[in-house]
Amino acid sequence: MACQVFKIVHKQSPAYIHDLIKVKSSTYSLRHEHKAEIPYVKTTRYGLKSFQYNGAHVWNSLPNEFRKVEDFATFKRLIRKWKAPVCTSMLNDLPLRVGVTE
């Protein structure tokens, strides 16, 4: 999911999904730059489980150095080597089978 959000933020994805993730802009040099705006949601089914909501949370959970990277290959390499905390996304209910092609 982080790779897809990276592509959206850097306009490397199809144009029709560019507005799903919005990055906060600031004129100040802050410790937590390049954070995504968390959308306000009213429901669990269509709000908390949406790509827009979970994508923003995943993006904001990344270290600031990762969010500053401009090159997709570098970003992907950093993500693969990163020892991330346990994912608390609701998308974990889906079965994940790494390395299996169907």
C-alpha atoms as a PDB file:
ATOM      1  CA  MET A   1       0.000   0.000   0.000  1.00  0.00           C
ATOM      2  CA  ALA A   2       2.890   2.372   0.766  1.00  0.00           C
ATOM      3  CA  CYS A   3       4.203   1.991  -2.789  1.00  0.00           C
ATOM      4  CA  GLN A   4       0.812   2.886  -4.249  1.00  0.00           C
ATOM      5  CA  VAL A   5       0.551   5.937  -1.968  1.00  0.00           C
ATOM      6  CA  PHE A   6       4.072   6.970  -3.040  1.00  0.00           C
ATOM      7  CA  LYS A   7       2.960   6.864  -6.674  1.00  0.00           C
ATOM      8  CA  ILE A   8      -0.141   8.926  -5.888  1.00  0.00           C
ATOM      9  CA  VAL A   9       1.805  11.552  -3.933  1.00  0.00           C
ATOM     10  CA  HIS A  10       4.442  11.864  -6.674  1.00  0.00           C
ATOM     11  CA  LYS A  11       1.867  11.860  -9.519  1.00  0.00           C
ATOM     12  CA  GLN A  12       3.204   8.594 -10.976  1.00  0.00           C
ATOM     13  CA  SER A  13      -0.187   6.883 -10.851  1.00  0.00           C
ATOM     14  CA  PRO A  14      -3.214   7.324 -13.132  1.00  0.00           C
ATOM     15  CA  ALA A  15      -4.677  10.850 -13.010  1.00  0.00           C
ATOM     16  CA  TYR A  16      -8.084   9.746 -11.721  1.00  0.00           C
ATOM     17  CA  ILE A  17      -6.635   8.700  -8.327  1.00  0.00           C
ATOM     18  CA  HIS A  18      -4.332  11.681  -7.701  1.00  0.00           C
ATOM     19  CA  ASP A  19      -6.848  13.355  -5.417  1.00  0.00           C
ATOM     20  CA  LEU A  20      -7.239  10.349  -3.087  1.00  0.00           C
ATOM     21  CA  ILE A  21      -4.202  11.283  -0.987  1.00  0.00           C
ATOM     22  CA  LYS A  22      -3.486  14.922  -0.227  1.00  0.00           C
ATOM     23  CA  VAL A  23      -0.200  15.959   1.369  1.00  0.00           C
ATOM     24  CA  LYS A  24      -0.225  18.844   3.838  1.00  0.00           C
ATOM     25  CA  SER A  25       1.915  21.737   2.728  1.00  0.00           C
ATOM     26  CA  SER A  26       3.788  24.049   5.055  1.00  0.00           C
ATOM     27  CA  THR A  27       6.127  26.967   4.542  1.00  0.00           C
ATOM     28  CA  TYR A  28       8.030  25.996   7.677  1.00  0.00           C
ATOM     29  CA  SER A  29      10.743  23.364   7.971  1.00  0.00           C
ATOM     30  CA  LEU A  30       9.113  20.996  10.414  1.00  0.00           C
ATOM     31  CA  ARG A  31      10.165  17.721  11.946  1.00  0.00           C
ATOM     32  CA  HIS A  32       7.189  15.902  10.417  1.00  0.00           C
ATOM     33  CA  GLU A  33       7.073  17.068   6.826  1.00  0.00           C
ATOM     34  CA  HIS A  34       5.194  15.490   3.939  1.00  0.00           C
ATOM     35  CA  LYS A  35       2.335  14.150   6.071  1.00  0.00           C
ATOM     36  CA  ALA A  36      -0.903  13.131   4.369  1.00  0.00           C
ATOM     37  CA  GLU A  37      -4.200  14.657   5.400  1.00  0.00           C
ATOM     38  CA  ILE A  38      -6.350  12.123   7.266  1.00  0.00           C
ATOM     39  CA  PRO A  39      -9.891  12.420   5.865  1.00  0.00           C
ATOM     40  CA  TYR A  40     -12.822  12.799   8.239  1.00  0.00           C
ATOM     41  CA  VAL A  41     -14.958   9.663   8.080  1.00  0.00           C
ATOM     42  CA  LYS A  42     -18.416   8.923   9.433  1.00  0.00           C
ATOM     43  CA  THR A  43     -18.715   5.169   8.946  1.00  0.00           C
ATOM     44  CA  THR A  44     -16.563   2.118   9.476  1.00  0.00           C
ATOM     45  CA  ARG A  45     -17.575   0.278   6.318  1.00  0.00           C
ATOM     46  CA  TYR A  46     -17.008   3.091   3.821  1.00  0.00           C
ATOM     47  CA  GLY A  47     -14.758   5.360   5.872  1.00  0.00           C
ATOM     48  CA  LEU A  48     -12.295   3.567   8.123  1.00  0.00           C
ATOM     49  CA  LYS A  49     -11.847   0.705   5.645  1.00  0.00           C
ATOM     50  CA  SER A  50     -11.339   2.946   2.625  1.00  0.00           C
ATOM     51  CA  PHE A  51      -8.088   3.206   0.688  1.00  0.00           C
ATOM     52  CA  GLN A  52      -8.050   6.961   1.216  1.00  0.00           C
ATOM     53  CA  TYR A  53      -8.152   6.649   5.015  1.00  0.00           C
ATOM     54  CA  ASN A  54      -5.782   3.667   5.350  1.00  0.00           C
ATOM     55  CA  GLY A  55      -3.398   5.006   2.706  1.00  0.00           C
ATOM     56  CA  ALA A  56      -3.008   8.277   4.605  1.00  0.00           C
ATOM     57  CA  HIS A  57      -2.359   6.366   7.854  1.00  0.00           C
ATOM     58  CA  VAL A  58       0.237   4.124   6.208  1.00  0.00           C
ATOM     59  CA  TRP A  59       1.982   7.129   4.618  1.00  0.00           C
ATOM     60  CA  ASN A  60       2.064   9.022   7.933  1.00  0.00           C
ATOM     61  CA  SER A  61       3.456   5.984   9.768  1.00  0.00           C
ATOM     62  CA  LEU A  62       6.556   5.969   7.548  1.00  0.00           C
ATOM     63  CA  PRO A  63       9.722   7.679   8.784  1.00  0.00           C
ATOM     64  CA  ASN A  64      10.177  11.212   7.455  1.00  0.00           C
ATOM     65  CA  GLU A  65      13.279  10.164   5.474  1.00  0.00           C
ATOM     66  CA  PHE A  66      11.144   7.707   3.484  1.00  0.00           C
ATOM     67  CA  ARG A  67       8.499  10.331   2.669  1.00  0.00           C
ATOM     68  CA  LYS A  68      11.182  12.737   1.395  1.00  0.00           C
ATOM     69  CA  VAL A  69      12.556  10.274  -1.193  1.00  0.00           C
ATOM     70  CA  GLU A  70      11.748  11.256  -4.788  1.00  0.00           C
ATOM     71  CA  ASP A  71      12.853   8.069  -6.609  1.00  0.00           C
ATOM     72  CA  PHE A  72      10.464   5.095  -6.579  1.00  0.00           C
ATOM     73  CA  ALA A  73      13.213   2.449  -6.757  1.00  0.00           C
ATOM     74  CA  THR A  74      14.969   3.977  -3.745  1.00  0.00           C
ATOM     75  CA  PHE A  75      11.674   4.184  -1.841  1.00  0.00           C
ATOM     76  CA  LYS A  76      10.906   0.540  -2.587  1.00  0.00           C
ATOM     77  CA  ARG A  77      14.375  -0.531  -1.415  1.00  0.00           C
ATOM     78  CA  LEU A  78      13.966   1.415   1.849  1.00  0.00           C
ATOM     79  CA  ILE A  79      10.542  -0.134   2.476  1.00  0.00           C
ATOM     80  CA  ARG A  80      11.862  -3.660   1.956  1.00  0.00           C
ATOM     81  CA  LYS A  81      14.714  -3.147   4.442  1.00  0.00           C
ATOM     82  CA  TRP A  82      12.615  -1.305   7.031  1.00  0.00           C
ATOM     83  CA  LYS A  83      11.739  -3.067  10.266  1.00  0.00           C
ATOM     84  CA  ALA A  84       8.253  -1.622  10.586  1.00  0.00           C
ATOM     85  CA  PRO A  85       6.134  -1.819  13.730  1.00  0.00           C
ATOM     86  CA  VAL A  86       3.210  -4.237  13.653  1.00  0.00           C
ATOM     87  CA  CYS A  87       0.622  -3.084  11.136  1.00  0.00           C
ATOM     88  CA  THR A  88      -2.675  -2.092  12.730  1.00  0.00           C
ATOM     89  CA  SER A  89      -4.537  -1.556   9.478  1.00  0.00           C
ATOM     90  CA  MET A  90      -7.974  -3.106   9.147  1.00  0.00           C
ATOM     91  CA  LEU A  91      -6.822  -4.518   5.816  1.00  0.00           C
ATOM     92  CA  ASN A  92      -4.950  -7.223   7.743  1.00  0.00           C
ATOM     93  CA  ASP A  93      -8.142  -9.263   7.762  1.00  0.00           C
ATOM     94  CA  LEU A  94      -7.326 -10.240   4.185  1.00  0.00           C
ATOM     95  CA  PRO A  95      -5.217 -13.392   3.782  1.00  0.00           C
ATOM     96  CA  LEU A  96      -1.686 -12.534   2.653  1.00  0.00           C
ATOM     97  CA  ARG A  97       0.318 -15.153   0.801  1.00  0.00           C
ATOM     98  CA  VAL A  98       3.730 -13.843  -0.112  1.00  0.00           C
ATOM     99  CA  GLY A  99       5.439 -15.344  -3.139  1.00  0.00           C
ATOM    100  CA  VAL A 100       2.432 -17.352  -4.306  1.00  0.00           C
ATOM    101  CA  THR A 101       1.055 -16.696  -7.764  1.00  0.00           C
ATOM    102  CA  GLU A 102      -2.369 -17.887  -8.761  1.00  0.00           C
END
